[in-house]
Amino acid sequence: MRNMIFTIALGLMVFGVDIASAQQFGGIDKSPADIALLRVDRETQPIVKVIYSRPQKNGRAMFTADAELAPAGKLWRTGANETTEIIFSKDLTFAGKKIKAGTYSLYTIPGDGKWTVVLNSKLNTWGHFQYDESKDVMRAEVSSRKYDSADIEAFAIQFEKITEGSTKSTMYLGWGNTVVEVPIEF
């Protein structure tokens, strides 16, 4: 009987800890952080590393003039939460512009068929609220496409796989039915 009471008490304590632990995670970020990597192979340092958060569409409009998320013609942090950061491990050409190795904030300005990509030297900022245009390193127009058959719920950044011997890739930004293509040459 005594062992049974001890076992029940121990079970209740463990169950209580599990409930308390689960409650600590009740406010999990709805736009989780992610990392996109451009690598030649798994054994080498990434050529490009993007640290960003993945907002969810949740039925909201985006990329139009009256959009709730990332309105057309307005600067967007290219993700959610902290400003997206992009790290180049070597000098390269990004969106047709020569860029030195380093870490930059990545912004975009959505448009119809064309987007503007912005690299900025001001780091560790929240959203686009502390954006300083005087710190822009480059601005370039890139193409975007609509896919009527696609509906990407969570914003995503991916890289085209590098083929053997190639020095080119493409960074893709995808959300909803829009895909933006940023050419990279290294």
N, C-alpha and C. Protein backbone atom coordinates (compact mmCIF):
# COMPACT_ATOMS: atom_id res chain seq x y z
N MET A 1 0.82 -1.19 0.00
CA MET A 1 0.00 0.00 0.00
C MET A 1 0.87 1.26 0.00
N ARG A 2 1.89 1.22 0.83
CA ARG A 2 2.80 2.36 0.93
C ARG A 2 3.52 2.61 -0.40
N ASN A 3 3.96 1.51 -1.06
CA ASN A 3 4.61 1.62 -2.37
C ASN A 3 3.65 2.15 -3.41
N MET A 4 2.40 1.75 -3.30
CA MET A 4 1.40 2.21 -4.27
C MET A 4 1.16 3.72 -4.12
N ILE A 5 1.08 4.20 -2.89
CA ILE A 5 0.89 5.64 -2.64
C ILE A 5 2.10 6.41 -3.15
N PHE A 6 3.30 5.87 -2.90
CA PHE A 6 4.53 6.51 -3.38
C PHE A 6 4.54 6.58 -4.92
N THR A 7 4.14 5.49 -5.57
CA THR A 7 4.11 5.45 -7.04
C THR A 7 3.11 6.45 -7.59
N ILE A 8 1.93 6.54 -6.97
CA ILE A 8 0.90 7.50 -7.42
C ILE A 8 1.40 8.93 -7.21
N ALA A 9 2.01 9.20 -6.07
CA ALA A 9 2.53 10.55 -5.79
C ALA A 9 3.62 10.92 -6.78
N LEU A 10 4.52 9.99 -7.05
CA LEU A 10 5.59 10.23 -8.01
C LEU A 10 5.01 10.48 -9.41
N GLY A 11 4.02 9.70 -9.80
CA GLY A 11 3.37 9.89 -11.11
C GLY A 11 2.71 11.25 -11.20
N LEU A 12 2.05 11.69 -10.15
CA LEU A 12 1.41 13.01 -10.16
C LEU A 12 2.45 14.13 -10.25
N MET A 13 3.59 13.94 -9.58
CA MET A 13 4.65 14.96 -9.65
C MET A 13 5.20 15.05 -11.08
N VAL A 14 5.47 13.92 -11.70
CA VAL A 14 5.98 13.91 -13.07
C VAL A 14 4.96 14.49 -14.02
N PHE A 15 3.69 14.09 -13.87
CA PHE A 15 2.62 14.61 -14.72
C PHE A 15 2.50 16.12 -14.55
N GLY A 16 2.61 16.59 -13.30
CA GLY A 16 2.54 18.02 -13.03
C GLY A 16 3.68 18.78 -13.67
N VAL A 17 4.87 18.21 -13.66
CA VAL A 17 6.03 18.84 -14.29
C VAL A 17 5.82 18.90 -15.80
N ASP A 18 5.27 17.82 -16.39
CA ASP A 18 5.00 17.82 -17.82
C ASP A 18 4.01 18.91 -18.20
N ILE A 19 2.97 19.09 -17.41
CA ILE A 19 1.98 20.13 -17.69
C ILE A 19 2.63 21.51 -17.56
N ALA A 20 3.42 21.70 -16.51
CA ALA A 20 4.09 22.99 -16.32
C ALA A 20 5.05 23.27 -17.47
N SER A 21 5.79 22.26 -17.91
CA SER A 21 6.71 22.46 -19.04
C SER A 21 5.96 22.82 -20.30
N ALA A 22 4.85 22.13 -20.55
CA ALA A 22 4.07 22.41 -21.75
C ALA A 22 3.53 23.84 -21.73
N GLN A 23 3.13 24.33 -20.55
CA GLN A 23 2.59 25.67 -20.45
C GLN A 23 3.65 26.73 -20.74
N GLN A 24 4.91 26.43 -20.45
CA GLN A 24 5.99 27.38 -20.74
C GLN A 24 6.11 27.63 -22.24
N PHE A 25 5.67 26.68 -23.06
CA PHE A 25 5.81 26.81 -24.50
C PHE A 25 4.52 27.30 -25.15
N GLY A 26 3.60 27.81 -24.39
CA GLY A 26 2.33 28.29 -24.93
C GLY A 26 2.49 29.48 -25.88
N GLY A 27 3.54 30.25 -25.72
CA GLY A 27 3.74 31.44 -26.55
C GLY A 27 4.77 31.24 -27.65
N ILE A 28 4.87 30.03 -28.16
CA ILE A 28 5.86 29.77 -29.21
C ILE A 28 5.61 30.71 -30.38
N ASP A 29 6.70 31.21 -30.93
CA ASP A 29 6.64 32.18 -32.03
C ASP A 29 5.86 31.61 -33.21
N LYS A 30 4.94 32.37 -33.72
CA LYS A 30 4.14 31.95 -34.87
C LYS A 30 4.89 32.13 -36.19
N SER A 31 6.04 32.79 -36.14
CA SER A 31 6.92 32.96 -37.31
C SER A 31 8.29 32.43 -36.93
N PRO A 32 8.47 31.12 -36.94
CA PRO A 32 9.72 30.53 -36.44
C PRO A 32 10.94 30.92 -37.27
N ALA A 33 12.07 30.97 -36.60
CA ALA A 33 13.33 31.28 -37.26
C ALA A 33 13.76 30.11 -38.14
N ASP A 34 14.50 30.42 -39.20
CA ASP A 34 15.02 29.40 -40.09
C ASP A 34 16.34 29.89 -40.66
N ILE A 35 17.08 28.98 -41.26
CA ILE A 35 18.35 29.31 -41.90
C ILE A 35 18.36 28.65 -43.27
N ALA A 36 18.73 29.41 -44.30
CA ALA A 36 18.91 28.86 -45.64
C ALA A 36 20.40 28.95 -45.97
N LEU A 37 20.95 27.87 -46.53
CA LEU A 37 22.38 27.80 -46.83
C LEU A 37 22.62 27.49 -48.29
N LEU A 38 23.60 28.17 -48.87
CA LEU A 38 24.08 27.85 -50.19
C LEU A 38 25.48 27.28 -50.00
N ARG A 39 25.64 25.98 -50.33
CA ARG A 39 26.91 25.29 -50.17
C ARG A 39 27.29 24.59 -51.46
N VAL A 40 28.60 24.46 -51.68
CA VAL A 40 29.08 23.65 -52.78
C VAL A 40 28.87 22.19 -52.41
N ASP A 41 29.20 21.83 -51.17
CA ASP A 41 28.96 20.48 -50.64
C ASP A 41 28.84 20.57 -49.13
N ARG A 42 28.50 19.48 -48.49
CA ARG A 42 28.26 19.49 -47.04
C ARG A 42 29.52 19.70 -46.20
N GLU A 43 30.68 19.50 -46.79
CA GLU A 43 31.92 19.61 -46.02
C GLU A 43 32.51 21.02 -46.03
N THR A 44 32.00 21.90 -46.84
CA THR A 44 32.57 23.24 -46.95
C THR A 44 31.69 24.28 -46.27
N GLN A 45 32.31 25.40 -45.95
CA GLN A 45 31.59 26.52 -45.35
C GLN A 45 30.56 27.03 -46.35
N PRO A 46 29.38 27.43 -45.88
CA PRO A 46 28.38 27.99 -46.80
C PRO A 46 28.92 29.24 -47.50
N ILE A 47 28.58 29.38 -48.77
CA ILE A 47 28.92 30.57 -49.52
C ILE A 47 27.98 31.70 -49.10
N VAL A 48 26.70 31.34 -48.90
CA VAL A 48 25.69 32.29 -48.45
C VAL A 48 24.89 31.64 -47.33
N LYS A 49 24.61 32.41 -46.30
CA LYS A 49 23.80 31.94 -45.18
C LYS A 49 22.76 33.03 -44.90
N VAL A 50 21.48 32.66 -44.89
CA VAL A 50 20.41 33.62 -44.62
C VAL A 50 19.70 33.20 -43.33
N ILE A 51 19.61 34.13 -42.39
CA ILE A 51 18.93 33.89 -41.12
C ILE A 51 17.67 34.75 -41.14
N TYR A 52 16.51 34.09 -41.04
CA TYR A 52 15.25 34.81 -41.20
C TYR A 52 14.15 34.12 -40.42
N SER A 53 13.01 34.79 -40.30
CA SER A 53 11.83 34.19 -39.68
C SER A 53 10.77 33.97 -40.75
N ARG A 54 9.95 32.93 -40.55
CA ARG A 54 8.99 32.48 -41.57
C ARG A 54 7.55 32.83 -41.17
N PRO A 55 7.08 34.01 -41.56
CA PRO A 55 5.68 34.34 -41.26
C PRO A 55 4.72 33.42 -42.00
N GLN A 56 3.57 33.22 -41.42
CA GLN A 56 2.51 32.39 -42.00
C GLN A 56 1.50 33.30 -42.70
N LYS A 57 0.98 32.83 -43.80
CA LYS A 57 0.01 33.61 -44.57
C LYS A 57 -1.32 33.74 -43.80
N ASN A 58 -1.83 32.65 -43.31
CA ASN A 58 -3.09 32.64 -42.54
C ASN A 58 -4.22 33.39 -43.22
N GLY A 59 -4.33 33.26 -44.53
CA GLY A 59 -5.43 33.87 -45.27
C GLY A 59 -5.30 35.36 -45.51
N ARG A 60 -4.20 35.95 -45.08
CA ARG A 60 -4.02 37.39 -45.25
C ARG A 60 -3.45 37.71 -46.63
N ALA A 61 -3.74 38.90 -47.11
CA ALA A 61 -3.25 39.35 -48.42
C ALA A 61 -1.82 39.85 -48.29
N MET A 62 -1.07 39.71 -49.39
CA MET A 62 0.30 40.23 -49.41
C MET A 62 0.69 40.62 -50.81
N PHE A 63 1.68 41.48 -50.92
CA PHE A 63 2.29 41.92 -52.17
C PHE A 63 1.36 42.72 -53.07
N THR A 64 0.30 43.28 -52.52
CA THR A 64 -0.55 44.21 -53.25
C THR A 64 -0.49 45.55 -52.51
N ALA A 65 -0.95 46.61 -53.15
CA ALA A 65 -0.86 47.94 -52.55
C ALA A 65 -1.56 48.03 -51.20
N ASP A 66 -2.68 47.32 -51.03
CA ASP A 66 -3.44 47.39 -49.79
C ASP A 66 -3.22 46.17 -48.89
N ALA A 67 -2.16 45.40 -49.15
CA ALA A 67 -1.90 44.17 -48.41
C ALA A 67 -1.58 44.43 -46.95
N GLU A 68 -2.03 43.52 -46.12
CA GLU A 68 -1.74 43.56 -44.69
C GLU A 68 -0.27 43.16 -44.44
N LEU A 69 0.23 42.23 -45.25
CA LEU A 69 1.60 41.74 -45.13
C LEU A 69 2.41 42.17 -46.36
N ALA A 70 3.55 42.74 -46.14
CA ALA A 70 4.48 43.09 -47.22
C ALA A 70 3.79 43.79 -48.38
N PRO A 71 3.25 44.99 -48.17
CA PRO A 71 2.55 45.70 -49.25
C PRO A 71 3.48 46.05 -50.42
N ALA A 72 2.94 45.99 -51.61
CA ALA A 72 3.69 46.33 -52.83
C ALA A 72 4.17 47.77 -52.74
N GLY A 73 5.39 48.00 -53.22
CA GLY A 73 5.94 49.35 -53.26
C GLY A 73 6.49 49.85 -51.94
N LYS A 74 6.44 49.03 -50.89
CA LYS A 74 6.95 49.45 -49.58
C LYS A 74 8.04 48.50 -49.10
N LEU A 75 9.01 49.05 -48.39
CA LEU A 75 10.12 48.26 -47.86
C LEU A 75 9.59 47.17 -46.93
N TRP A 76 10.11 45.95 -47.11
CA TRP A 76 9.72 44.81 -46.27
C TRP A 76 10.97 44.16 -45.71
N ARG A 77 10.91 43.69 -44.50
CA ARG A 77 12.06 43.07 -43.85
C ARG A 77 12.39 41.69 -44.39
N THR A 78 11.61 41.21 -45.34
CA THR A 78 11.84 39.93 -46.01
C THR A 78 11.78 38.78 -45.01
N GLY A 79 10.70 38.73 -44.30
CA GLY A 79 10.46 37.71 -43.28
C GLY A 79 9.63 38.34 -42.17
N ALA A 80 9.88 37.90 -40.95
CA ALA A 80 9.15 38.42 -39.79
C ALA A 80 10.16 38.68 -38.67
N ASN A 81 9.70 39.34 -37.64
CA ASN A 81 10.49 39.58 -36.43
C ASN A 81 11.74 40.40 -36.74
N GLU A 82 12.93 39.90 -36.32
CA GLU A 82 14.17 40.62 -36.59
C GLU A 82 14.37 40.75 -38.09
N THR A 83 15.11 41.76 -38.48
CA THR A 83 15.42 41.93 -39.89
C THR A 83 16.23 40.72 -40.37
N THR A 84 15.90 40.25 -41.55
CA THR A 84 16.62 39.12 -42.15
C THR A 84 18.07 39.51 -42.36
N GLU A 85 18.99 38.60 -42.01
CA GLU A 85 20.42 38.85 -42.22
C GLU A 85 20.96 37.84 -43.22
N ILE A 86 21.83 38.32 -44.10
CA ILE A 86 22.46 37.48 -45.11
C ILE A 86 23.97 37.62 -44.95
N ILE A 87 24.65 36.48 -44.93
CA ILE A 87 26.09 36.44 -44.71
C ILE A 87 26.75 35.84 -45.94
N PHE A 88 27.70 36.56 -46.51
CA PHE A 88 28.48 36.08 -47.64
C PHE A 88 29.88 35.73 -47.13
N SER A 89 30.33 34.51 -47.35
CA SER A 89 31.63 34.09 -46.85
C SER A 89 32.76 34.50 -47.81
N LYS A 90 32.39 34.96 -49.00
CA LYS A 90 33.38 35.42 -49.98
C LYS A 90 32.77 36.51 -50.82
N ASP A 91 33.60 37.29 -51.49
CA ASP A 91 33.10 38.29 -52.43
C ASP A 91 32.34 37.56 -53.53
N LEU A 92 31.24 38.15 -53.98
CA LEU A 92 30.44 37.52 -55.03
C LEU A 92 29.58 38.55 -55.73
N THR A 93 28.82 38.09 -56.70
CA THR A 93 27.86 38.95 -57.40
C THR A 93 26.48 38.51 -56.95
N PHE A 94 25.71 39.46 -56.43
CA PHE A 94 24.38 39.19 -55.88
C PHE A 94 23.41 40.11 -56.60
N ALA A 95 22.44 39.52 -57.28
CA ALA A 95 21.46 40.30 -58.05
C ALA A 95 22.16 41.21 -59.06
N GLY A 96 23.27 40.71 -59.62
CA GLY A 96 24.00 41.46 -60.63
C GLY A 96 24.97 42.51 -60.11
N LYS A 97 25.09 42.63 -58.78
CA LYS A 97 25.98 43.64 -58.19
C LYS A 97 27.11 42.95 -57.42
N LYS A 98 28.32 43.50 -57.54
CA LYS A 98 29.46 42.94 -56.81
C LYS A 98 29.34 43.34 -55.34
N ILE A 99 29.46 42.32 -54.47
CA ILE A 99 29.30 42.52 -53.03
C ILE A 99 30.49 41.90 -52.31
N LYS A 100 31.02 42.62 -51.33
CA LYS A 100 32.13 42.12 -50.52
C LYS A 100 31.62 41.10 -49.49
N ALA A 101 32.48 40.16 -49.12
CA ALA A 101 32.15 39.22 -48.06
C ALA A 101 31.77 40.00 -46.81
N GLY A 102 30.78 39.50 -46.07
CA GLY A 102 30.34 40.18 -44.86
C GLY A 102 28.89 39.86 -44.54
N THR A 103 28.36 40.53 -43.55
CA THR A 103 26.99 40.34 -43.10
C THR A 103 26.19 41.61 -43.38
N TYR A 104 25.00 41.42 -43.91
CA TYR A 104 24.13 42.53 -44.30
C TYR A 104 22.70 42.25 -43.87
N SER A 105 21.92 43.30 -43.71
CA SER A 105 20.47 43.15 -43.56
C SER A 105 19.89 43.04 -44.96
N LEU A 106 18.90 42.17 -45.11
CA LEU A 106 18.26 41.94 -46.41
C LEU A 106 16.83 42.47 -46.35
N TYR A 107 16.55 43.41 -47.23
CA TYR A 107 15.20 43.96 -47.37
C TYR A 107 14.75 43.75 -48.81
N THR A 108 13.46 43.80 -49.02
CA THR A 108 12.92 43.77 -50.38
C THR A 108 11.78 44.77 -50.48
N ILE A 109 11.50 45.17 -51.71
CA ILE A 109 10.34 46.00 -52.01
C ILE A 109 9.54 45.23 -53.05
N PRO A 110 8.41 44.62 -52.64
CA PRO A 110 7.60 43.84 -53.58
C PRO A 110 7.03 44.70 -54.69
N GLY A 111 6.92 44.12 -55.86
CA GLY A 111 6.32 44.79 -57.00
C GLY A 111 5.64 43.77 -57.91
N ASP A 112 5.09 44.23 -58.98
CA ASP A 112 4.39 43.36 -59.92
C ASP A 112 5.36 42.90 -61.00
N GLY A 113 5.84 41.68 -60.91
CA GLY A 113 6.78 41.13 -61.89
C GLY A 113 8.23 41.48 -61.60
N LYS A 114 8.47 42.49 -60.80
CA LYS A 114 9.82 42.91 -60.41
C LYS A 114 9.82 43.28 -58.93
N TRP A 115 10.86 42.89 -58.26
CA TRP A 115 11.06 43.28 -56.86
C TRP A 115 12.40 44.00 -56.77
N THR A 116 12.54 44.87 -55.79
CA THR A 116 13.82 45.49 -55.49
C THR A 116 14.42 44.78 -54.29
N VAL A 117 15.67 44.34 -54.43
CA VAL A 117 16.40 43.70 -53.35
C VAL A 117 17.37 44.74 -52.79
N VAL A 118 17.41 44.85 -51.46
CA VAL A 118 18.25 45.85 -50.80
C VAL A 118 19.16 45.15 -49.79
N LEU A 119 20.45 45.43 -49.87
CA LEU A 119 21.39 45.01 -48.83
C LEU A 119 21.79 46.26 -48.07
N ASN A 120 21.78 46.16 -46.74
CA ASN A 120 22.03 47.30 -45.88
C ASN A 120 23.06 46.90 -44.82
N SER A 121 23.94 47.82 -44.44
CA SER A 121 25.00 47.48 -43.48
C SER A 121 24.56 47.59 -42.02
N LYS A 122 23.39 48.14 -41.74
CA LYS A 122 22.93 48.26 -40.35
C LYS A 122 22.36 46.90 -39.92
N LEU A 123 22.90 46.35 -38.84
CA LEU A 123 22.53 45.01 -38.38
C LEU A 123 21.80 45.05 -37.04
N ASN A 124 21.28 43.89 -36.66
CA ASN A 124 20.63 43.69 -35.36
C ASN A 124 19.47 44.65 -35.14
N THR A 125 18.58 44.70 -36.13
CA THR A 125 17.42 45.57 -36.02
C THR A 125 16.15 44.73 -36.03
N TRP A 126 15.07 45.32 -35.59
CA TRP A 126 13.77 44.67 -35.56
C TRP A 126 12.95 45.19 -36.74
N GLY A 127 12.54 44.27 -37.60
CA GLY A 127 11.71 44.66 -38.73
C GLY A 127 12.41 45.67 -39.61
N HIS A 128 11.64 46.58 -40.15
CA HIS A 128 12.20 47.65 -40.99
C HIS A 128 12.09 49.00 -40.28
N PHE A 129 11.77 48.98 -39.00
CA PHE A 129 11.50 50.20 -38.26
C PHE A 129 12.76 51.03 -38.01
N GLN A 130 13.93 50.40 -38.01
CA GLN A 130 15.18 51.12 -37.79
C GLN A 130 15.99 51.20 -39.09
N TYR A 131 15.34 50.97 -40.20
CA TYR A 131 16.01 51.01 -41.50
C TYR A 131 16.58 52.39 -41.74
N ASP A 132 17.82 52.41 -42.24
CA ASP A 132 18.51 53.66 -42.54
C ASP A 132 19.01 53.58 -43.98
N GLU A 133 18.33 54.27 -44.89
CA GLU A 133 18.66 54.20 -46.31
C GLU A 133 20.11 54.59 -46.59
N SER A 134 20.68 55.46 -45.77
CA SER A 134 22.08 55.88 -45.98
C SER A 134 23.06 54.73 -45.79
N LYS A 135 22.62 53.63 -45.20
CA LYS A 135 23.47 52.46 -44.97
C LYS A 135 23.29 51.40 -46.07
N ASP A 136 22.53 51.72 -47.12
CA ASP A 136 22.36 50.77 -48.21
C ASP A 136 23.69 50.49 -48.89
N VAL A 137 23.97 49.22 -49.11
CA VAL A 137 25.17 48.79 -49.82
C VAL A 137 24.83 48.58 -51.29
N MET A 138 23.59 48.13 -51.55
CA MET A 138 23.15 47.95 -52.94
C MET A 138 21.64 47.85 -53.01
N ARG A 139 21.14 48.20 -54.18
CA ARG A 139 19.74 47.99 -54.56
C ARG A 139 19.75 47.44 -55.97
N ALA A 140 18.91 46.43 -56.22
CA ALA A 140 18.85 45.85 -57.55
C ALA A 140 17.45 45.30 -57.79
N GLU A 141 17.02 45.40 -59.04
CA GLU A 141 15.73 44.80 -59.42
C GLU A 141 15.94 43.36 -59.84
N VAL A 142 15.03 42.50 -59.38
CA VAL A 142 15.04 41.08 -59.76
C VAL A 142 13.63 40.70 -60.20
N SER A 143 13.53 39.56 -60.86
CA SER A 143 12.22 39.16 -61.37
C SER A 143 11.45 38.34 -60.34
N SER A 144 10.13 38.42 -60.47
CA SER A 144 9.24 37.58 -59.66
C SER A 144 8.20 36.97 -60.59
N ARG A 145 7.68 35.84 -60.17
CA ARG A 145 6.67 35.13 -60.96
C ARG A 145 5.51 34.73 -60.08
N LYS A 146 4.34 34.64 -60.69
CA LYS A 146 3.15 34.14 -60.02
C LYS A 146 2.94 32.69 -60.43
N TYR A 147 2.58 31.87 -59.48
CA TYR A 147 2.23 30.48 -59.74
C TYR A 147 0.80 30.27 -59.26
N ASP A 148 -0.13 30.17 -60.20
CA ASP A 148 -1.53 30.00 -59.82
C ASP A 148 -1.77 28.68 -59.11
N SER A 149 -0.93 27.68 -59.39
CA SER A 149 -1.12 26.37 -58.77
C SER A 149 -0.43 26.26 -57.42
N ALA A 150 0.40 27.23 -57.05
CA ALA A 150 1.13 27.17 -55.78
C ALA A 150 0.43 28.02 -54.72
N ASP A 151 0.55 27.59 -53.48
CA ASP A 151 0.08 28.38 -52.35
C ASP A 151 0.97 28.05 -51.16
N ILE A 152 2.08 28.77 -51.06
CA ILE A 152 3.06 28.53 -50.02
C ILE A 152 2.58 29.24 -48.76
N GLU A 153 2.23 28.48 -47.74
CA GLU A 153 1.66 29.04 -46.50
C GLU A 153 2.70 29.81 -45.69
N ALA A 154 3.89 29.25 -45.51
CA ALA A 154 4.93 29.89 -44.71
C ALA A 154 6.01 30.44 -45.64
N PHE A 155 6.36 31.70 -45.47
CA PHE A 155 7.41 32.30 -46.27
C PHE A 155 8.66 31.43 -46.20
N ALA A 156 9.34 31.26 -47.33
CA ALA A 156 10.53 30.40 -47.37
C ALA A 156 11.60 30.99 -48.28
N ILE A 157 12.85 30.73 -47.90
CA ILE A 157 14.01 31.08 -48.72
C ILE A 157 14.76 29.79 -49.00
N GLN A 158 15.08 29.56 -50.28
CA GLN A 158 15.82 28.37 -50.68
C GLN A 158 16.82 28.76 -51.76
N PHE A 159 17.81 27.89 -51.95
CA PHE A 159 18.81 28.10 -52.99
C PHE A 159 18.74 26.97 -54.00
N GLU A 160 18.97 27.32 -55.25
CA GLU A 160 19.12 26.32 -56.30
C GLU A 160 20.40 25.54 -56.02
N LYS A 161 20.33 24.24 -56.14
CA LYS A 161 21.51 23.40 -55.90
C LYS A 161 22.58 23.72 -56.94
N ILE A 162 23.81 23.79 -56.49
CA ILE A 162 24.93 24.07 -57.37
C ILE A 162 25.34 22.79 -58.08
N THR A 163 25.41 22.85 -59.39
CA THR A 163 25.88 21.68 -60.13
C THR A 163 27.41 21.68 -60.14
N GLU A 164 27.99 20.50 -60.30
CA GLU A 164 29.44 20.35 -60.25
C GLU A 164 30.12 21.28 -61.26
N GLY A 165 31.10 22.01 -60.77
CA GLY A 165 31.86 22.91 -61.63
C GLY A 165 31.20 24.26 -61.86
N SER A 166 29.98 24.44 -61.40
CA SER A 166 29.28 25.70 -61.62
C SER A 166 29.67 26.74 -60.58
N THR A 167 29.54 27.99 -60.96
CA THR A 167 29.79 29.10 -60.03
C THR A 167 28.54 29.99 -59.93
N LYS A 168 27.38 29.41 -60.26
CA LYS A 168 26.14 30.17 -60.25
C LYS A 168 25.06 29.43 -59.46
N SER A 169 24.17 30.21 -58.89
CA SER A 169 22.99 29.67 -58.22
C SER A 169 21.91 30.75 -58.23
N THR A 170 20.77 30.43 -57.68
CA THR A 170 19.67 31.38 -57.55
C THR A 170 19.10 31.25 -56.14
N MET A 171 18.86 32.38 -55.49
CA MET A 171 18.16 32.39 -54.22
C MET A 171 16.69 32.62 -54.54
N TYR A 172 15.82 31.76 -54.02
CA TYR A 172 14.39 31.88 -54.24
C TYR A 172 13.70 32.33 -52.96
N LEU A 173 12.84 33.34 -53.08
CA LEU A 173 11.97 33.77 -52.00
C LEU A 173 10.57 33.35 -52.42
N GLY A 174 9.89 32.55 -51.62
CA GLY A 174 8.57 32.08 -51.99
C GLY A 174 7.55 32.27 -50.90
N TRP A 175 6.36 32.76 -51.31
CA TRP A 175 5.27 32.93 -50.35
C TRP A 175 3.98 33.12 -51.14
N GLY A 176 2.93 32.47 -50.67
CA GLY A 176 1.66 32.53 -51.39
C GLY A 176 1.87 31.91 -52.76
N ASN A 177 1.53 32.65 -53.80
CA ASN A 177 1.76 32.16 -55.17
C ASN A 177 2.85 32.94 -55.88
N THR A 178 3.74 33.59 -55.09
CA THR A 178 4.81 34.41 -55.64
C THR A 178 6.18 33.78 -55.36
N VAL A 179 7.02 33.75 -56.40
CA VAL A 179 8.40 33.32 -56.24
C VAL A 179 9.30 34.40 -56.84
N VAL A 180 10.28 34.84 -56.05
CA VAL A 180 11.23 35.86 -56.46
C VAL A 180 12.58 35.17 -56.68
N GLU A 181 13.27 35.54 -57.75
CA GLU A 181 14.55 34.91 -58.10
C GLU A 181 15.68 35.92 -58.02
N VAL A 182 16.69 35.61 -57.19
CA VAL A 182 17.86 36.47 -57.04
C VAL A 182 19.08 35.70 -57.52
N PRO A 183 19.67 36.10 -58.67
CA PRO A 183 20.84 35.38 -59.18
C PRO A 183 22.09 35.65 -58.34
N ILE A 184 22.91 34.60 -58.19
CA ILE A 184 24.16 34.69 -57.43
C ILE A 184 25.27 34.07 -58.28
N GLU A 185 26.42 34.73 -58.30
CA GLU A 185 27.58 34.18 -58.97
C GLU A 185 28.78 34.37 -58.06
N PHE A 186 29.56 33.32 -57.89
CA PHE A 186 30.68 33.36 -56.93
C PHE A 186 31.96 32.85 -57.55
